[in-house]
Each structure stands twice: as structure tokens, then as C-alpha cells.
Amino acid sequence: MSNYSNQYMSKDAEKSVLFVFQTDYNSNNSPIKIYFRGLNPDLKYKVDDLNEILSGTEWMSRELCFPLFSFTSVFLEINAYH
């Protein structure tokens, strides 16, 4: 099973985007597990489609699971919350 994730962060650590891809058959629907990286530990962040506002430290220590079907993807925006 092949899956990939890429996260891109702005230089000021205010914004980030995450791409998660399931690039193969996923017959058992096993989730893709990832951790955010590069967030400022002292800033609070809001993540699209998730109803929590947490510090960068909290987000980076939380495992996120994406149960993606074969050949599907997810895109999330992460923004500093002021």
C-alpha cells in the first residue's frame, strides 16, 4: 500500500497546508497516520475541518488519522489563530 503526505509551511509559521494521498488500492481501508511538523509551539492554530484550536505543540504531538479509500486525497489548511 502506498500513501504519501506533504506539508508546506510559510516562513513566518503563520500558515501551512497539508496534502495526504492514498496512491494505491486500500482494500482494508487502513488509515494514513501523520503528525504535523514545523508549527510554532507558542502559536495557536485552527485546522480546516477540525473544530479545535490548539497550540503548535499540541497539534504536533497529536496523531491524525485519515481513512482514505483507494486513490483519494485530503487537503487541509492550517492557520495561526489570533
Protein backbone atom coordinates (compact mmCIF):
# COMPACT_ATOMS: atom_id res chain seq x y z
CA MET A 1 0.00 0.00 0.00
CA SER A 2 1.36 3.41 -0.97
CA ASN A 3 0.44 6.65 0.71
CA TYR A 4 2.11 9.99 0.94
CA SER A 5 1.80 13.24 2.80
CA ASN A 6 3.41 16.62 2.23
CA GLN A 7 3.17 19.64 4.48
CA TYR A 8 4.33 23.11 3.45
CA MET A 9 4.84 25.92 5.97
CA SER A 10 5.15 29.67 5.47
CA LYS A 11 8.41 31.26 6.64
CA ASP A 12 6.64 33.07 9.48
CA ALA A 13 4.92 29.82 10.61
CA GLU A 14 1.51 31.51 10.34
CA LYS A 15 0.12 29.28 7.56
CA SER A 16 0.57 25.75 6.41
CA VAL A 17 -1.05 23.30 4.03
CA LEU A 18 -1.17 19.52 4.25
CA PHE A 19 -1.75 17.10 1.40
CA VAL A 20 -2.43 13.42 2.14
CA PHE A 21 -2.66 10.95 -0.75
CA GLN A 22 -3.70 7.30 -0.95
CA THR A 23 -1.97 6.27 -4.17
CA ASP A 24 -2.74 2.58 -4.23
CA TYR A 25 -5.56 0.14 -3.52
CA ASN A 26 -6.63 0.31 0.09
CA SER A 27 -8.83 -2.76 0.36
CA ASN A 28 -8.80 -2.88 4.17
CA ASN A 29 -9.39 0.90 4.48
CA SER A 30 -6.45 1.27 6.85
CA PRO A 31 -5.95 4.91 7.83
CA ILE A 32 -2.95 7.04 6.96
CA LYS A 33 -1.41 8.33 10.20
CA ILE A 34 0.58 11.56 10.27
CA TYR A 35 1.86 14.27 12.61
CA PHE A 36 2.06 17.97 11.79
CA ARG A 37 5.58 19.41 11.66
CA GLY A 38 7.11 22.86 11.72
CA LEU A 39 4.36 24.66 13.62
CA ASN A 40 5.38 27.38 16.07
CA PRO A 41 4.99 25.75 19.50
CA ASP A 42 3.81 29.04 21.05
CA LEU A 43 1.12 29.94 18.49
CA LYS A 44 -2.44 28.66 18.47
CA TYR A 45 -3.69 27.09 15.22
CA LYS A 46 -7.03 26.38 13.61
CA VAL A 47 -7.13 23.49 11.14
CA ASP A 48 -9.79 23.35 8.41
CA ASP A 49 -12.49 20.76 9.09
CA LEU A 50 -11.32 20.20 12.68
CA ASN A 51 -13.18 22.03 15.43
CA GLU A 52 -10.29 22.61 17.79
CA ILE A 53 -7.90 25.47 18.33
CA LEU A 54 -4.67 24.15 19.84
CA SER A 55 -1.08 25.25 20.29
CA GLY A 56 1.54 24.19 17.79
CA THR A 57 2.96 21.85 20.42
CA GLU A 58 -0.42 20.19 20.95
CA TRP A 59 -1.05 19.76 17.21
CA MET A 60 2.43 18.34 16.57
CA SER A 61 2.05 15.76 19.35
CA ARG A 62 -1.37 14.59 18.13
CA GLU A 63 -1.55 11.72 15.66
CA LEU A 64 -4.03 12.45 12.87
CA CYS A 65 -5.70 9.56 11.05
CA PHE A 66 -7.09 9.76 7.55
CA PRO A 67 -9.11 6.69 6.47
CA LEU A 68 -8.80 7.27 2.74
CA PHE A 69 -10.19 4.98 0.09
CA SER A 70 -8.05 3.91 -2.85
CA PHE A 71 -6.76 6.76 -5.00
CA THR A 72 -8.21 9.59 -2.90
CA SER A 73 -6.69 12.57 -1.13
CA VAL A 74 -7.22 15.21 1.55
CA PHE A 75 -6.14 18.84 1.64
CA LEU A 76 -6.08 20.83 4.89
CA GLU A 77 -5.20 24.44 5.62
CA ILE A 78 -3.62 25.26 8.98
CA ASN A 79 -3.76 28.90 10.08
CA ALA A 80 -2.47 30.72 13.13
CA TYR A 81 -5.37 31.82 15.30
CA HIS A 82 -5.09 35.31 16.81
